């Protein structure tokens, strides 16, 4: 049981992207179902996890802690697994692993997540908690029409009791009016407003001098408020990402806001009218676990046959089907038709991209990414690079992304393959992207990139290459990739051609392809890739190699 002593709304924050937990739950159950969840199994779980292709972390300092962080948070809190007395999967967890309709599974579990619960007990110092957080934030998005990230951070994270819902709405309305009336910069306005709100929320702690945080010996008020602001941002970010996984909300990456998907408004209204706002089974862990793990509750609009039939007719009027079929069959039909609609939408997008009609939009999106003007820049970098590679040349270009029903990027997919795979027939180019910089870039990406390329070589049997794209390239990554050019490592399938490209250089390559009077072909791409191997053999060190391959990229069509 976790003790909560926060004055802010509590939500699960690990993993940051909810889809990431799916393969890890599968791994846990495959290897440890029926075992005790203790230090021994936690260490063993991390040992197995580190060898999996979908794992990008390390978990080396304290493997048992890393295991608890991955499993005790979202997988347990959302009712997918039970860890006591022994490890087991719930009906909801089984549905998450097997269902075509994973959005529906995530939605049901989030609607049941509550504070307080037998899993999460507020302390005497905590705020007055009486809330189902995801339910009330969904209600807030529906009520406000559009909810900006800053509004969710400053005010949504104060919604610790659903009885205060209307007062939170009024706070947001007042904030919007004050923002219009403010004469200075929005950045200054937000900082002042946030400081005032935090000072009010934590008034008792500030008055009593309780401003030291666990992470620091600094007791200053400024440090305390910065820490609480950061906590607010982390919880708001997690809330954004988890609600996005339900398929009910649109995320505007430019406006950094949430809104209800127009086609799902009826579904949302049904939820808000029928799901009980009060927490339940607070003092009965047995009943709570049974309720939380039940894959059939709460009821959704699509559980009603007539409403489901109406939805199918409305969204896909050209389709004939048996109205009396089992509910599960009708739901699968809806999922299949929605997936086909998504595929058709993506196909139309690819046609537009290949014709260079979206060139300006792609370059402008890269500018916004470099300036960090978009919400979830790692996701947007991966998506926009997929668009750029699709435009750059022919071939079968696949992104390892989850798309929403309308072809917009929803989240990065499971990390068991490269970010982007470009199959040109006689060879394959994978593309890895990251917003990470400094030593963290090498720690996060160095080995996984090498592993993904080695995996692709073994699976395809074709010559394989890799582009590694980031706003800036860390020197350790340059040295690592240079070494892999020169050293024959059987684990990675021999020598590895991994070319690090700063984002501005990659954008210049796009610009060159746009300017020429012909469409570059895959042979020209391969010539550039092979040039990297020649340079690696002839350059004295990694610095010279990086300088020369950068020059080659800038002039790749000359």
Protein backbone atom coordinates (compact mmCIF):
# COMPACT_ATOMS: atom_id res chain seq x y z
CA UNK A 1 0.00 0.00 0.00
CA UNK A 2 1.34 3.42 -0.97
CA UNK A 3 1.03 6.37 1.39
CA UNK A 4 0.14 9.65 -0.31
CA UNK A 5 1.09 12.90 1.40
CA UNK A 6 0.67 15.19 -1.59
CA UNK A 7 -1.48 18.32 -1.86
CA UNK A 8 -1.77 17.67 -5.61
CA UNK A 9 -3.83 15.22 -7.62
CA UNK A 10 -2.23 11.78 -7.66
CA UNK A 11 -1.94 9.76 -10.87
CA UNK A 12 0.33 7.00 -12.06
CA UNK A 13 3.41 8.30 -13.91
CA UNK A 14 5.30 5.12 -14.77
CA UNK A 15 5.64 4.17 -17.53
CA UNK A 16 5.26 7.61 -19.15
CA UNK A 17 3.63 6.02 -22.20
CA UNK A 18 0.99 3.48 -21.11
CA UNK A 19 1.41 1.21 -24.14
CA UNK A 20 4.96 0.48 -22.95
CA UNK A 21 3.65 -1.62 -20.07
CA UNK A 22 2.01 -4.22 -22.35
CA UNK A 23 5.09 -6.32 -23.24
CA UNK A 24 6.46 -6.00 -19.72
CA UNK A 25 3.26 -7.37 -18.18
CA UNK A 26 3.44 -10.25 -20.66
CA UNK A 27 7.05 -10.94 -19.70
CA UNK A 28 6.21 -10.85 -15.97
CA UNK A 29 3.36 -13.32 -16.32
CA UNK A 30 5.20 -15.65 -18.71
CA UNK A 31 8.14 -16.05 -16.33
CA UNK A 32 6.87 -15.35 -12.82
CA UNK A 33 3.16 -16.12 -12.54
CA UNK A 34 2.59 -17.91 -9.24
CA UNK A 35 5.86 -16.62 -7.71
CA UNK A 36 6.23 -14.25 -4.78
CA UNK A 37 6.98 -10.63 -5.72
CA UNK A 38 10.14 -10.10 -3.67
CA UNK A 39 13.72 -8.95 -4.17
CA UNK A 40 14.67 -12.25 -5.77
CA UNK A 41 11.97 -12.22 -8.43
CA UNK A 42 12.33 -8.47 -8.94
CA UNK A 43 16.04 -8.85 -9.70
CA UNK A 44 15.32 -11.86 -11.92
CA UNK A 45 12.65 -9.93 -13.80
CA UNK A 46 15.10 -7.13 -14.60
CA UNK A 47 17.71 -9.64 -15.75
CA UNK A 48 15.26 -11.04 -18.30
CA UNK A 49 13.89 -7.62 -19.22
CA UNK A 50 17.34 -6.23 -20.05
CA UNK A 51 17.74 -8.88 -22.76
CA UNK A 52 14.47 -8.00 -24.46
CA UNK A 53 14.47 -5.98 -27.68
CA UNK A 54 11.67 -3.70 -26.44
CA UNK A 55 13.64 -2.59 -23.36
CA UNK A 56 15.56 0.69 -23.71
CA UNK A 57 16.54 1.27 -20.08
CA UNK A 58 19.30 -0.08 -17.88
CA UNK A 59 18.01 -0.86 -14.38
CA UNK A 60 21.57 -1.52 -13.20
CA UNK A 61 21.96 0.50 -9.99
CA UNK A 62 19.09 -1.11 -8.10
CA UNK A 63 17.36 -3.73 -10.28
CA UNK A 64 14.75 -4.59 -7.63
CA UNK A 65 13.74 -0.95 -7.30
CA UNK A 66 13.55 -0.62 -11.10
CA UNK A 67 11.28 -3.68 -11.24
CA UNK A 68 8.96 -2.28 -8.57
CA UNK A 69 8.88 1.08 -10.36
CA UNK A 70 7.77 -0.65 -13.58
CA UNK A 71 5.23 -3.08 -12.11
CA UNK A 72 3.95 -1.64 -8.81
CA UNK A 73 2.85 1.58 -10.44
CA UNK A 74 0.60 1.47 -13.51
CA UNK A 75 0.33 -2.33 -14.02
CA UNK A 76 -0.77 -2.90 -10.42
CA UNK A 77 -2.52 0.43 -9.80
CA UNK A 78 -4.67 0.06 -12.92
CA UNK A 79 -5.60 -3.51 -12.03
CA UNK A 80 -3.75 -5.44 -14.72
CA UNK A 81 -1.75 -7.58 -12.29
CA UNK A 82 -2.01 -8.69 -8.67
CA UNK A 83 1.27 -9.05 -6.76
CA UNK A 84 0.06 -10.45 -3.44
CA UNK A 85 0.08 -13.11 -2.16
CA UNK A 86 1.55 -14.27 -5.50
CA UNK A 87 1.98 -12.77 -8.95
CA UNK A 88 -1.07 -13.23 -11.17
CA UNK A 89 -2.79 -11.56 -14.09
CA UNK A 90 -6.34 -10.22 -13.78
CA UNK A 91 -9.09 -10.50 -16.40
CA UNK A 92 -8.34 -6.86 -17.28
CA UNK A 93 -4.67 -7.69 -17.71
CA UNK A 94 -5.50 -10.64 -19.93
CA UNK A 95 -7.72 -8.36 -22.03
CA UNK A 96 -4.89 -5.84 -22.36
CA UNK A 97 -2.56 -8.52 -23.74
CA UNK A 98 -5.05 -10.16 -26.10
CA UNK A 99 -7.77 -7.70 -27.10
CA UNK A 100 -7.89 -5.86 -30.42
CA UNK A 101 -9.52 -3.02 -28.51
CA UNK A 102 -6.71 -1.97 -26.18
CA UNK A 103 -8.03 1.61 -26.01
CA UNK A 104 -11.24 0.27 -24.48
CA UNK A 105 -9.27 -1.77 -21.94
CA UNK A 106 -7.19 1.23 -20.88
CA UNK A 107 -10.34 3.36 -20.64
CA UNK A 108 -12.19 1.01 -18.29
CA UNK A 109 -9.22 0.71 -15.96
CA UNK A 110 -8.55 4.44 -15.83
CA UNK A 111 -12.20 5.15 -15.03
CA UNK A 112 -11.85 2.90 -11.96
CA UNK A 113 -8.57 4.32 -10.69
CA UNK A 114 -9.33 6.19 -7.47
CA UNK A 115 -7.88 7.90 -4.42
CA UNK A 116 -8.34 6.84 -1.69
CA UNK A 117 -8.21 3.09 -2.29
CA UNK A 118 -6.73 0.04 -0.55
CA UNK A 119 -3.67 0.62 -2.77
CA UNK A 120 -3.36 4.37 -2.12
CA UNK A 121 -4.06 5.87 1.30
CA UNK A 122 -3.66 9.62 1.89
CA UNK A 123 -1.86 10.62 5.08
CA UNK A 124 -3.09 13.24 7.53
CA UNK A 125 -0.84 15.80 5.82
CA UNK A 126 -2.27 15.13 2.36
CA UNK A 127 -5.02 17.02 0.59
CA UNK A 128 -8.59 15.90 1.05
CA UNK A 129 -8.76 13.12 -1.56
CA UNK A 130 -12.09 11.81 -2.85
CA UNK A 131 -11.75 11.40 -6.57
CA UNK A 132 -11.43 9.21 -9.65
CA UNK A 133 -8.75 11.35 -11.31
CA UNK A 134 -9.08 10.30 -14.95
CA UNK A 135 -12.88 10.46 -14.83
CA UNK A 136 -12.84 14.02 -13.48
CA UNK A 137 -10.13 15.27 -15.84
CA UNK A 138 -12.11 13.80 -18.75
CA UNK A 139 -15.12 15.71 -17.41
CA UNK A 140 -12.99 18.85 -17.21
CA UNK A 141 -11.92 18.52 -20.86
CA UNK A 142 -15.54 18.02 -21.92
CA UNK A 143 -16.74 20.96 -19.83
CA UNK A 144 -14.06 23.40 -20.98
CA UNK A 145 -14.20 22.35 -24.64
CA UNK A 146 -10.43 22.62 -24.92
CA UNK A 147 -8.10 22.23 -21.96
CA UNK A 148 -4.57 23.56 -22.38
CA UNK A 149 -1.63 21.82 -20.76
CA UNK A 150 -0.90 24.83 -18.54
CA UNK A 151 -4.52 24.82 -17.32
CA UNK A 152 -4.30 21.12 -16.52
CA UNK A 153 -1.02 21.67 -14.71
CA UNK A 154 -2.09 24.67 -12.61
CA UNK A 155 -5.75 23.82 -11.92
CA UNK A 156 -6.48 20.25 -12.94
CA UNK A 157 -3.85 19.03 -10.50
CA UNK A 158 -5.84 20.69 -7.69
CA UNK A 159 -8.89 18.49 -8.35
CA UNK A 160 -8.31 16.14 -5.43
CA UNK A 161 -12.01 15.97 -4.51
CA UNK A 162 -14.70 15.80 -7.19
CA UNK A 163 -16.99 18.00 -5.08
CA UNK A 164 -14.61 20.88 -5.93
CA UNK A 165 -15.12 20.42 -9.67
CA UNK A 166 -17.13 23.60 -10.23
CA UNK A 167 -14.64 25.73 -8.31
CA UNK A 168 -11.83 24.39 -10.55
CA UNK A 169 -13.89 25.31 -13.61
CA UNK A 170 -14.30 28.83 -12.25
CA UNK A 171 -10.56 29.09 -11.59
CA UNK A 172 -9.82 28.20 -15.22
CA UNK A 173 -12.38 30.70 -16.48
CA UNK A 174 -10.80 33.41 -14.31
CA UNK A 175 -7.33 32.44 -15.55
CA UNK A 176 -8.44 32.78 -19.17
CA UNK A 177 -9.92 36.22 -18.55
CA UNK A 178 -6.83 37.40 -16.68
CA UNK A 179 -4.61 36.10 -19.49
CA UNK A 180 -6.45 38.22 -22.05
CA UNK A 181 -6.23 41.30 -19.82
CA UNK A 182 -2.52 40.89 -18.99
CA UNK A 183 -0.31 43.32 -20.90
CA UNK A 184 3.04 41.54 -20.54
CA UNK A 185 4.39 38.26 -21.90
CA UNK A 186 2.41 35.05 -21.33
CA UNK A 187 5.49 33.38 -19.87
CA UNK A 188 5.69 35.97 -17.11
CA UNK A 189 1.94 35.87 -16.56
CA UNK A 190 1.93 32.10 -16.15
CA UNK A 191 4.92 32.11 -13.80
CA UNK A 192 3.29 34.69 -11.52
CA UNK A 193 -0.08 32.95 -11.58
CA UNK A 194 1.45 29.54 -10.87
CA UNK A 195 3.52 30.90 -7.98
CA UNK A 196 0.41 32.45 -6.41
CA UNK A 197 -1.51 29.18 -6.74
CA UNK A 198 1.31 27.09 -5.29
CA UNK A 199 1.76 29.52 -2.39
CA UNK A 200 -1.93 29.17 -1.57
CA UNK A 201 -1.98 25.33 -1.97
CA UNK A 202 1.06 24.85 0.28
CA UNK A 203 0.30 27.73 2.65
CA UNK A 204 0.39 25.57 5.81
CA UNK A 205 3.75 23.98 4.94
CA UNK A 206 5.24 27.35 4.07
CA UNK A 207 3.99 28.99 7.29
CA UNK A 208 5.39 26.07 9.34
CA UNK A 209 8.74 26.22 7.56
CA UNK A 210 8.32 22.74 6.05
CA UNK A 211 9.89 23.64 2.72
CA UNK A 212 12.69 21.10 2.51
CA UNK A 213 12.13 18.46 -0.15
CA UNK A 214 13.37 14.87 -0.04
CA UNK A 215 15.72 15.44 -2.96
CA UNK A 216 17.57 18.44 -1.49
CA UNK A 217 18.81 20.07 1.69
CA UNK A 218 17.81 23.47 0.29
CA UNK A 219 14.96 24.85 2.41
CA UNK A 220 14.44 28.03 0.41
CA UNK A 221 10.93 28.94 -0.70
CA UNK A 222 12.03 29.33 -4.32
CA UNK A 223 13.48 25.81 -4.41
CA UNK A 224 10.35 24.39 -2.76
CA UNK A 225 7.99 26.08 -5.22
CA UNK A 226 10.13 25.03 -8.20
CA UNK A 227 9.96 21.43 -7.01
CA UNK A 228 6.18 21.51 -6.60
CA UNK A 229 5.80 23.14 -10.02
CA UNK A 230 7.90 20.35 -11.53
CA UNK A 231 5.74 17.74 -9.77
CA UNK A 232 2.63 19.42 -11.15
CA UNK A 233 4.08 19.32 -14.64
CA UNK A 234 5.05 15.63 -14.36
CA UNK A 235 1.55 14.62 -13.21
CA UNK A 236 -0.11 16.75 -15.90
CA UNK A 237 2.12 15.23 -18.56
CA UNK A 238 1.28 11.70 -17.41
CA UNK A 239 -2.40 12.58 -17.41
CA UNK A 240 -2.13 13.87 -21.01
CA UNK A 241 -0.45 10.67 -22.16
CA UNK A 242 -2.75 8.25 -20.37
CA UNK A 243 -5.96 9.97 -21.49
CA UNK A 244 -4.60 9.92 -25.04
CA UNK A 245 -4.37 6.11 -24.82
CA UNK A 246 -8.15 5.85 -24.38
CA UNK A 247 -8.84 7.13 -27.90
CA UNK A 248 -11.35 9.65 -26.53
CA UNK A 249 -9.22 12.78 -26.72
CA UNK A 250 -7.32 14.68 -29.37
CA UNK A 251 -3.96 16.21 -28.50
CA UNK A 252 -3.04 19.45 -30.25
CA UNK A 253 0.75 19.38 -30.30
CA UNK A 254 0.93 22.99 -31.47
CA UNK A 255 -1.59 24.36 -28.97
CA UNK A 256 -0.56 21.88 -26.27
CA UNK A 257 -4.18 21.14 -25.45
CA UNK A 258 -6.72 18.34 -25.05
CA UNK A 259 -10.17 18.13 -26.60
CA UNK A 260 -12.72 15.37 -27.07
CA UNK A 261 -12.58 13.57 -30.42
CA UNK A 262 -15.79 14.80 -32.12
CA UNK A 263 -16.84 11.27 -33.08
CA UNK A 264 -16.46 10.17 -29.43
CA UNK A 265 -18.45 12.92 -27.71
CA UNK A 266 -21.45 10.63 -27.32
CA UNK A 267 -19.20 7.97 -25.72
CA UNK A 268 -17.79 10.55 -23.29
CA UNK A 269 -21.20 11.92 -22.36
CA UNK A 270 -22.41 8.39 -21.66
CA UNK A 271 -19.45 7.82 -19.33
CA UNK A 272 -19.92 11.10 -17.50
CA UNK A 273 -23.62 10.36 -16.98
CA UNK A 274 -23.26 6.74 -15.84
CA UNK A 275 -19.94 6.22 -14.02
CA UNK A 276 -20.19 6.81 -10.28
CA UNK A 277 -17.93 9.67 -9.17
CA UNK A 278 -17.41 8.30 -5.65
CA UNK A 279 -14.52 5.95 -4.79
CA UNK A 280 -15.57 2.48 -3.61
CA UNK A 281 -14.31 -0.51 -1.56
CA UNK A 282 -11.88 1.76 0.29
CA UNK A 283 -11.57 -0.57 3.25
CA UNK A 284 -11.83 -3.90 1.44
CA UNK A 285 -8.77 -4.82 -0.56
CA UNK A 286 -10.32 -8.13 -1.64
CA UNK A 287 -13.42 -6.46 -3.10
CA UNK A 288 -11.38 -3.65 -4.61
CA UNK A 289 -9.00 -6.04 -6.40
CA UNK A 290 -11.94 -8.00 -7.79
CA UNK A 291 -13.65 -4.78 -8.95
CA UNK A 292 -10.48 -3.24 -10.37
CA UNK A 293 -9.51 -6.38 -12.29
CA UNK A 294 -12.96 -6.91 -13.80
CA UNK A 295 -12.58 -6.40 -17.57
CA UNK A 296 -16.31 -5.76 -18.06
CA UNK A 297 -16.84 -2.74 -15.78
CA UNK A 298 -17.70 0.03 -15.95
CA UNK A 299 -20.19 -0.23 -18.78
CA UNK A 300 -19.40 1.79 -21.89
CA UNK A 301 -21.67 3.05 -24.63
CA UNK A 302 -20.45 0.29 -26.95
CA UNK A 303 -21.62 -2.36 -24.44
CA UNK A 304 -25.18 -1.46 -25.42
CA UNK A 305 -26.06 -3.46 -28.54
CA UNK A 306 -28.44 -0.88 -29.98
CA UNK A 307 -26.00 1.98 -29.44
CA UNK A 308 -23.19 -0.10 -30.92
CA UNK A 309 -25.28 -0.95 -33.99
CA UNK A 310 -26.18 2.73 -34.39
CA UNK A 311 -22.51 3.70 -34.13
CA UNK A 312 -21.55 1.17 -36.83
CA UNK A 313 -24.28 2.47 -39.14
CA UNK A 314 -23.31 6.10 -38.52
CA UNK A 315 -19.55 5.71 -39.04
CA UNK A 316 -19.65 3.02 -41.73
CA UNK A 317 -23.02 3.31 -43.52
CA UNK A 318 -21.82 1.26 -46.50
CA UNK A 319 -21.18 -1.87 -44.41
CA UNK A 320 -23.79 -4.62 -44.02
CA UNK A 321 -23.62 -6.80 -40.91
CA UNK A 322 -25.71 -9.05 -38.68
CA UNK A 323 -27.34 -6.86 -36.02
CA UNK A 324 -27.89 -9.92 -33.82
CA UNK A 325 -24.25 -10.99 -33.73
CA UNK A 326 -22.52 -11.27 -30.36
CA UNK A 327 -21.49 -7.96 -28.84
CA UNK A 328 -17.83 -9.03 -28.98
CA UNK A 329 -18.14 -9.75 -32.72
CA UNK A 330 -19.72 -6.35 -33.35
CA UNK A 331 -16.96 -4.66 -31.36
CA UNK A 332 -14.30 -6.51 -33.33
CA UNK A 333 -16.02 -5.44 -36.54
CA UNK A 334 -15.95 -1.81 -35.38
CA UNK A 335 -12.26 -2.17 -34.47
CA UNK A 336 -11.42 -3.75 -37.84
CA UNK A 337 -13.31 -1.10 -39.81
CA UNK A 338 -11.69 1.67 -37.80
CA UNK A 339 -8.26 0.15 -38.43
CA UNK A 340 -8.97 -0.03 -42.16
CA UNK A 341 -10.10 3.60 -42.16
CA UNK A 342 -6.86 4.52 -40.44
CA UNK A 343 -4.83 2.59 -43.03
CA UNK A 344 -6.67 4.36 -45.85
CA UNK A 345 -6.02 7.73 -44.23
CA UNK A 346 -2.31 6.97 -43.89
CA UNK A 347 -2.17 5.84 -47.52
CA UNK A 348 -3.64 9.16 -48.64
CA UNK A 349 -1.11 11.00 -46.48
CA UNK A 350 1.76 9.06 -48.07
CA UNK A 351 0.59 10.09 -51.56
CA UNK A 352 0.57 13.75 -50.50
CA UNK A 353 3.99 13.41 -48.88
CA UNK A 354 5.62 11.74 -51.88
CA UNK A 355 4.40 14.57 -54.13
CA UNK A 356 6.27 17.07 -51.92
CA UNK A 357 2.97 18.81 -51.19
CA UNK A 358 3.80 18.73 -47.47
CA UNK A 359 7.42 19.91 -47.80
CA UNK A 360 6.83 23.30 -46.17
CA UNK A 361 4.78 21.73 -43.38
CA UNK A 362 7.47 19.14 -42.69
CA UNK A 363 10.24 21.74 -42.55
CA UNK A 364 8.15 24.04 -40.37
CA UNK A 365 7.43 21.16 -37.97
CA UNK A 366 11.16 20.52 -37.66
CA UNK A 367 11.62 24.21 -36.80
CA UNK A 368 8.98 23.93 -34.08
CA UNK A 369 10.68 20.79 -32.74
CA UNK A 370 14.05 22.57 -32.58
CA UNK A 371 12.44 25.44 -30.68
CA UNK A 372 10.53 22.98 -28.46
CA UNK A 373 7.24 24.67 -29.31
CA UNK A 374 5.30 21.39 -29.56
CA UNK A 375 3.89 19.07 -26.96
CA UNK A 376 5.71 15.70 -26.86
CA UNK A 377 8.61 16.67 -29.09
CA UNK A 378 10.12 13.10 -29.10
CA UNK A 379 6.92 11.76 -30.63
CA UNK A 380 6.67 14.63 -33.11
CA UNK A 381 10.33 14.21 -34.12
CA UNK A 382 9.77 10.52 -34.87
CA UNK A 383 6.55 11.20 -36.81
CA UNK A 384 7.96 14.10 -38.79
CA UNK A 385 11.13 12.19 -39.64
CA UNK A 386 8.93 9.37 -40.97
CA UNK A 387 7.19 11.93 -43.17
CA UNK A 388 10.56 13.31 -44.29
CA UNK A 389 11.94 9.87 -45.20
CA UNK A 390 8.73 9.09 -47.08
CA UNK A 391 9.15 12.30 -49.06
CA UNK A 392 12.91 11.91 -49.58
CA UNK A 393 12.76 8.77 -51.68
CA UNK A 394 10.72 5.75 -52.71
CA UNK A 395 10.67 2.46 -50.88
CA UNK A 396 8.46 1.01 -48.18
CA UNK A 397 8.79 3.40 -45.23
CA UNK A 398 7.32 2.21 -41.92
CA UNK A 399 7.23 4.12 -38.62
CA UNK A 400 7.16 2.27 -35.33
CA UNK A 401 4.32 4.51 -34.14
CA UNK A 402 0.80 4.14 -32.88
CA UNK A 403 -1.54 6.31 -34.93
CA UNK A 404 -4.99 7.43 -33.88
CA UNK A 405 -8.09 6.62 -35.94
CA UNK A 406 -7.44 9.63 -38.17
CA UNK A 407 -3.76 9.14 -38.96
CA UNK A 408 -2.31 11.45 -36.31
CA UNK A 409 0.61 10.26 -34.15
CA UNK A 410 -0.67 8.86 -30.88
CA UNK A 411 2.42 7.45 -29.21
CA UNK A 412 5.65 5.65 -29.89
CA UNK A 413 5.08 1.92 -30.14
CA UNK A 414 6.80 -0.90 -28.28
CA UNK A 415 10.55 -0.50 -28.47
CA UNK A 416 11.26 -3.85 -30.14
CA UNK A 417 12.37 -2.35 -33.45
CA UNK A 418 13.90 0.74 -34.99
CA UNK A 419 11.94 3.98 -34.97
CA UNK A 420 11.66 3.97 -38.78
CA UNK A 421 12.39 1.17 -41.26
CA UNK A 422 12.99 2.03 -44.95
CA UNK A 423 12.97 -1.04 -47.18
CA UNK A 424 14.43 -0.20 -50.60
CA UNK A 425 14.32 -3.75 -51.92
CA UNK A 426 18.02 -4.53 -52.21
CA UNK A 427 18.93 -2.95 -48.87
CA UNK A 428 17.34 -1.59 -45.69
CA UNK A 429 17.90 1.71 -43.93
CA UNK A 430 16.70 2.13 -40.37
CA UNK A 431 16.37 5.57 -38.82
CA UNK A 432 16.65 6.24 -35.08
CA UNK A 433 15.74 9.65 -33.64
CA UNK A 434 16.05 11.20 -30.21
CA UNK A 435 15.62 14.52 -28.44
CA UNK A 436 18.12 13.45 -25.77
CA UNK A 437 21.44 15.29 -25.60
CA UNK A 438 24.69 15.11 -23.67
CA UNK A 439 25.75 11.92 -21.90
CA UNK A 440 22.12 10.91 -21.54
CA UNK A 441 21.92 10.53 -25.33
CA UNK A 442 24.70 7.95 -25.30
CA UNK A 443 23.33 6.15 -22.25
CA UNK A 444 19.83 5.86 -23.72
CA UNK A 445 20.57 5.32 -27.41
CA UNK A 446 24.10 3.99 -27.96
CA UNK A 447 23.56 0.28 -27.36
CA UNK A 448 19.85 0.03 -28.40
CA UNK A 449 20.60 1.59 -31.82
CA UNK A 450 23.39 -0.93 -32.42
CA UNK A 451 21.12 -3.75 -31.28
CA UNK A 452 18.23 -2.69 -33.55
CA UNK A 453 20.54 -2.58 -36.56
CA UNK A 454 22.00 -6.00 -35.73
CA UNK A 455 18.49 -7.42 -35.32
CA UNK A 456 17.45 -6.04 -38.71
CA UNK A 457 20.51 -7.55 -40.40
CA UNK A 458 19.72 -11.01 -39.03
CA UNK A 459 16.00 -10.84 -39.82
CA UNK A 460 16.25 -9.40 -43.33
CA UNK A 461 19.42 -11.01 -44.67
CA UNK A 462 20.01 -7.77 -46.59
CA UNK A 463 22.68 -5.09 -46.28
CA UNK A 464 21.48 -2.72 -43.56
CA UNK A 465 22.41 0.84 -42.63
CA UNK A 466 21.28 3.33 -39.98
CA UNK A 467 20.81 7.09 -39.69
CA UNK A 468 20.88 8.47 -36.15
CA UNK A 469 19.20 11.90 -36.03
CA UNK A 470 19.08 14.31 -33.10
CA UNK A 471 19.08 18.13 -32.67
CA UNK A 472 22.68 17.78 -31.44
CA UNK A 473 24.97 14.75 -31.46
CA UNK A 474 26.90 13.81 -28.34
CA UNK A 475 30.63 13.17 -28.75
CA UNK A 476 30.33 9.77 -27.03
CA UNK A 477 27.76 8.69 -29.64
CA UNK A 478 30.07 9.85 -32.46
CA UNK A 479 32.95 7.84 -31.01
CA UNK A 480 30.76 4.77 -30.45
CA UNK A 481 29.30 4.75 -33.96
CA UNK A 482 32.72 5.41 -35.52
CA UNK A 483 34.11 2.40 -33.68
CA UNK A 484 31.26 0.19 -34.86
CA UNK A 485 32.12 1.10 -38.46
CA UNK A 486 35.58 -0.38 -37.97
CA UNK A 487 35.13 -3.33 -35.61
CA UNK A 488 33.60 -6.64 -36.69
CA UNK A 489 31.24 -7.57 -33.83
CA UNK A 490 29.28 -10.78 -34.45
CA UNK A 491 26.60 -9.81 -31.88
CA UNK A 492 25.70 -6.83 -34.09
CA UNK A 493 26.04 -8.80 -37.33
CA UNK A 494 29.52 -7.56 -38.23
CA UNK A 495 30.59 -3.98 -38.85
CA UNK A 496 27.78 -1.44 -38.35
CA UNK A 497 27.12 1.56 -40.57
CA UNK A 498 25.44 4.02 -38.19
CA UNK A 499 25.67 7.65 -39.33
CA UNK A 500 24.96 10.39 -36.76
CA UNK A 501 23.29 13.45 -38.31
CA UNK A 502 22.41 16.70 -36.53
CA UNK A 503 18.83 17.65 -37.34
CA UNK A 504 19.86 20.80 -39.21
CA UNK A 505 22.05 18.70 -41.52
CA UNK A 506 19.21 16.26 -42.18
CA UNK A 507 16.95 19.20 -42.99
CA UNK A 508 19.56 20.43 -45.52
CA UNK A 509 19.43 17.00 -47.18
CA UNK A 510 15.66 17.40 -47.49
CA UNK A 511 16.05 20.88 -48.90
CA UNK A 512 18.47 19.59 -51.56
CA UNK A 513 16.08 16.82 -52.57
CA UNK A 514 13.30 19.41 -52.92
CA UNK A 515 15.37 21.79 -55.03
CA UNK A 516 16.64 19.35 -57.65
CA UNK A 517 14.58 18.86 -60.78
CA UNK A 518 14.32 15.09 -60.33
CA UNK A 519 13.32 12.69 -57.59
CA UNK A 520 16.40 11.23 -55.84
CA UNK A 521 16.55 7.46 -56.01
CA UNK A 522 17.52 4.81 -53.50
CA UNK A 523 20.85 4.33 -55.23
CA UNK A 524 21.85 7.89 -54.37
CA UNK A 525 20.86 7.32 -50.75
CA UNK A 526 22.96 4.15 -50.65
CA UNK A 527 25.94 5.93 -52.19
CA UNK A 528 25.87 8.40 -49.30
CA UNK A 529 25.62 5.55 -46.79
CA UNK A 530 28.54 3.68 -48.34
CA UNK A 531 30.56 6.88 -48.30
CA UNK A 532 30.47 6.70 -44.50
CA UNK A 533 32.19 3.31 -44.58
CA UNK A 534 34.93 4.63 -46.87
CA UNK A 535 35.50 7.62 -44.63
CA UNK A 536 35.64 5.48 -41.49
CA UNK A 537 38.43 3.40 -43.01
CA UNK A 538 40.47 6.41 -44.11
CA UNK A 539 39.93 8.97 -41.32
CA UNK A 540 42.37 9.14 -38.42
CA UNK A 541 39.75 9.47 -35.68
CA UNK A 542 36.05 9.91 -34.98
CA UNK A 543 36.18 13.72 -35.06
CA UNK A 544 37.58 13.78 -38.57
CA UNK A 545 35.08 11.11 -39.68
CA UNK A 546 32.13 13.06 -38.28
CA UNK A 547 33.32 16.26 -39.92
CA UNK A 548 33.74 14.54 -43.30
CA UNK A 549 30.45 12.63 -43.21
CA UNK A 550 28.66 15.87 -42.29
CA UNK A 551 30.22 17.55 -45.35
CA UNK A 552 29.14 14.59 -47.45
CA UNK A 553 25.55 14.88 -46.16
CA UNK A 554 25.38 18.57 -46.93
CA UNK A 555 26.46 17.84 -50.51
CA UNK A 556 24.83 14.42 -50.93
CA UNK A 557 23.25 15.16 -54.34
CA UNK A 558 26.27 16.95 -55.85
